[in-house]
């Protein structure tokens, strides 16, 4: 895979900035993460599908169970997640008149940066949220995140981060994971 990536770079092929989770992508991502810990590489670059697989597997199980057809797009400094959301846990009153018009599942799109907060843990700060054709006002987004997670005080989405990762840098075409500093 690394050789193919280098050849594509030389040929000017731009890797996809959008990917979906999958078993083989998750295995590939885990193998790359293992290279940070075992081979002492300082960083690895994940494809959009590999990163989507890590994000999907690292989300809270309850939240992940509410999302179908997950897709992650790598942007400059943040990710955009698209999915179909089961809407029963969203606070209808917080959405105003739109709240009564929600179907049992709705297409959603949310974007924001992902960062490592401590060893083995990270967070996704959702800054923008769109449900169907309705853009949720920015000031309402943290409250919706809390309600979706079942904790109204929570303002970010917790994400498990593989051991040995100290930082994540997201760019279109790839997410760079940086290994823990070694002495």
Protein backbone atom coordinates (compact mmCIF):
# COMPACT_ATOMS: atom_id res chain seq x y z
CA UNK A 1 0.00 0.00 0.00
CA UNK A 2 2.80 2.44 0.79
CA UNK A 3 4.47 1.77 -2.54
CA UNK A 4 1.20 2.32 -4.38
CA UNK A 5 0.71 5.61 -2.50
CA UNK A 6 4.18 6.81 -3.53
CA UNK A 7 3.64 5.83 -7.17
CA UNK A 8 0.26 7.59 -7.20
CA UNK A 9 1.87 10.69 -5.69
CA UNK A 10 4.53 10.71 -8.41
CA UNK A 11 1.87 10.23 -11.10
CA UNK A 12 -0.18 13.07 -9.66
CA UNK A 13 -3.11 10.94 -8.51
CA UNK A 14 -4.95 12.72 -5.73
CA UNK A 15 -6.16 10.34 -3.03
CA UNK A 16 -9.83 10.49 -2.12
CA UNK A 17 -10.69 12.78 0.75
CA UNK A 18 -13.86 10.82 1.50
CA UNK A 19 -14.17 7.31 2.86
CA UNK A 20 -16.43 4.79 4.56
CA UNK A 21 -15.54 2.41 7.38
CA UNK A 22 -14.77 -1.16 6.42
CA UNK A 23 -13.15 -4.27 7.84
CA UNK A 24 -10.11 -4.21 5.54
CA UNK A 25 -9.66 -0.45 6.05
CA UNK A 26 -9.77 -0.91 9.83
CA UNK A 27 -7.19 -3.72 9.63
CA UNK A 28 -4.95 -1.54 7.45
CA UNK A 29 -5.31 1.42 9.83
CA UNK A 30 -4.46 -0.76 12.82
CA UNK A 31 -1.40 -2.14 11.02
CA UNK A 32 -0.19 1.41 10.36
CA UNK A 33 -0.78 2.36 14.00
CA UNK A 34 1.17 -0.73 15.05
CA UNK A 35 4.10 0.54 12.98
CA UNK A 36 4.20 3.63 15.19
CA UNK A 37 4.50 1.47 18.28
CA UNK A 38 6.54 -1.48 17.00
CA UNK A 39 8.70 -0.14 14.20
CA UNK A 40 9.28 3.19 15.87
CA UNK A 41 7.99 5.24 12.93
CA UNK A 42 7.31 8.85 13.93
CA UNK A 43 4.10 9.21 11.91
CA UNK A 44 1.79 7.40 9.51
CA UNK A 45 -0.72 8.66 6.97
CA UNK A 46 -4.16 7.08 6.85
CA UNK A 47 -6.47 7.16 3.85
CA UNK A 48 -9.96 8.57 4.27
CA UNK A 49 -11.42 5.04 4.54
CA UNK A 50 -8.83 3.99 7.11
CA UNK A 51 -9.49 7.10 9.19
CA UNK A 52 -13.27 6.63 8.83
CA UNK A 53 -12.82 3.08 10.15
CA UNK A 54 -10.85 4.28 13.17
CA UNK A 55 -13.40 7.03 13.88
CA UNK A 56 -16.32 4.62 13.55
CA UNK A 57 -14.73 1.99 15.78
CA UNK A 58 -13.62 4.64 18.28
CA UNK A 59 -17.04 6.23 18.79
CA UNK A 60 -19.22 5.51 21.77
CA UNK A 61 -21.22 2.37 20.93
CA UNK A 62 -24.54 4.02 21.75
CA UNK A 63 -23.83 6.95 19.44
CA UNK A 64 -22.45 4.71 16.69
CA UNK A 65 -25.60 2.56 16.87
CA UNK A 66 -27.66 5.66 16.00
CA UNK A 67 -25.67 6.27 12.80
CA UNK A 68 -26.09 4.38 9.55
CA UNK A 69 -24.16 4.77 6.27
CA UNK A 70 -21.29 6.59 7.99
CA UNK A 71 -18.94 8.50 5.71
CA UNK A 72 -15.97 10.67 6.73
CA UNK A 73 -14.53 13.44 4.59
CA UNK A 74 -11.07 14.76 5.41
CA UNK A 75 -10.96 18.55 5.25
CA UNK A 76 -8.22 21.00 6.13
CA UNK A 77 -7.88 20.63 9.91
CA UNK A 78 -11.22 18.91 10.49
CA UNK A 79 -13.45 16.06 9.47
CA UNK A 80 -16.96 16.09 8.12
CA UNK A 81 -19.11 13.11 9.05
CA UNK A 82 -22.19 12.26 7.01
CA UNK A 83 -24.66 9.58 8.05
CA UNK A 84 -28.30 8.74 8.57
CA UNK A 85 -29.22 9.51 12.18
CA UNK A 86 -31.95 7.91 14.25
CA UNK A 87 -33.65 11.04 15.54
CA UNK A 88 -35.57 9.79 18.58
CA UNK A 89 -33.00 11.17 21.06
CA UNK A 90 -32.82 14.68 19.61
CA UNK A 91 -34.62 17.29 21.70
CA UNK A 92 -37.61 18.29 19.55
CA UNK A 93 -38.21 21.45 21.58
CA UNK A 94 -34.64 22.65 20.97
CA UNK A 95 -35.22 22.42 17.22
CA UNK A 96 -38.31 24.61 17.35
CA UNK A 97 -40.98 24.04 14.70
CA UNK A 98 -38.59 21.86 12.71
CA UNK A 99 -38.48 19.33 15.58
CA UNK A 100 -41.99 18.08 14.83
CA UNK A 101 -41.14 17.46 11.18
CA UNK A 102 -38.33 14.97 11.78
CA UNK A 103 -38.65 11.50 10.34
CA UNK A 104 -37.37 8.44 12.28
CA UNK A 105 -34.06 8.76 10.40
CA UNK A 106 -32.62 11.85 8.77
CA UNK A 107 -29.46 12.53 6.80
CA UNK A 108 -27.00 14.50 8.92
CA UNK A 109 -23.70 16.20 8.27
CA UNK A 110 -21.44 17.48 11.03
CA UNK A 111 -17.96 18.96 10.88
CA UNK A 112 -15.21 19.94 13.28
CA UNK A 113 -11.66 19.17 14.39
CA UNK A 114 -10.50 15.95 16.01
CA UNK A 115 -7.74 15.99 18.60
CA UNK A 116 -5.98 13.74 21.06
CA UNK A 117 -6.76 14.78 24.63
CA UNK A 118 -4.70 12.19 26.53
CA UNK A 119 -3.21 8.75 25.83
CA UNK A 120 -5.93 6.53 24.37
CA UNK A 121 -8.55 9.29 24.22
CA UNK A 122 -9.59 12.06 21.90
CA UNK A 123 -12.51 14.28 21.10
CA UNK A 124 -14.35 15.57 18.08
CA UNK A 125 -15.49 19.18 18.52
CA UNK A 126 -18.57 19.45 16.33
CA UNK A 127 -18.76 23.03 15.09
CA UNK A 128 -21.41 22.72 12.42
CA UNK A 129 -24.39 20.41 12.17
CA UNK A 130 -26.94 19.95 9.44
CA UNK A 131 -29.97 17.67 9.64
CA UNK A 132 -31.70 17.16 6.32
CA UNK A 133 -31.78 20.57 4.64
CA UNK A 134 -31.78 22.40 7.97
CA UNK A 135 -28.54 23.96 9.24
CA UNK A 136 -28.59 24.03 13.02
CA UNK A 137 -27.47 27.44 14.35
CA UNK A 138 -23.90 27.23 15.63
CA UNK A 139 -24.87 28.19 19.19
CA UNK A 140 -27.24 25.20 19.38
CA UNK A 141 -24.71 22.59 18.21
CA UNK A 142 -23.03 21.88 21.59
CA UNK A 143 -26.43 21.29 23.21
CA UNK A 144 -27.47 18.85 20.50
CA UNK A 145 -24.17 16.99 20.91
CA UNK A 146 -24.87 16.61 24.63
CA UNK A 147 -28.42 15.37 24.05
CA UNK A 148 -27.30 12.92 21.36
CA UNK A 149 -24.73 11.50 23.81
CA UNK A 150 -27.20 11.36 26.69
CA UNK A 151 -25.16 13.88 28.71
CA UNK A 152 -26.40 17.48 28.39
CA UNK A 153 -23.13 18.78 29.91
CA UNK A 154 -21.01 17.11 27.21
CA UNK A 155 -19.97 19.48 24.39
CA UNK A 156 -17.67 17.21 22.35
CA UNK A 157 -17.89 13.66 21.01
CA UNK A 158 -15.42 11.38 22.78
CA UNK A 159 -13.39 9.15 20.47
CA UNK A 160 -11.08 6.31 21.48
CA UNK A 161 -7.61 6.84 20.07
CA UNK A 162 -5.25 3.91 19.52
CA UNK A 163 -2.39 3.59 22.01
CA UNK A 164 0.76 5.45 21.06
CA UNK A 165 -0.90 8.34 19.19
CA UNK A 166 -0.08 11.81 20.51
CA UNK A 167 -1.50 14.01 17.75
CA UNK A 168 -3.66 13.93 14.62
CA UNK A 169 -3.38 16.24 11.64
CA UNK A 170 -6.21 16.07 9.12
CA UNK A 171 -5.83 17.25 5.54
CA UNK A 172 -7.69 16.45 2.34
CA UNK A 173 -6.34 13.15 1.07
CA UNK A 174 -4.93 11.86 4.36
CA UNK A 175 -4.87 11.99 8.13
CA UNK A 176 -1.44 11.95 9.74
CA UNK A 177 -1.14 10.23 13.10
CA UNK A 178 1.92 11.16 15.13
CA UNK A 179 3.44 8.68 17.54
CA UNK A 180 4.27 9.35 21.15
CA UNK A 181 7.59 11.06 21.69
CA UNK A 182 10.39 8.74 22.66
CA UNK A 183 13.34 9.48 24.86
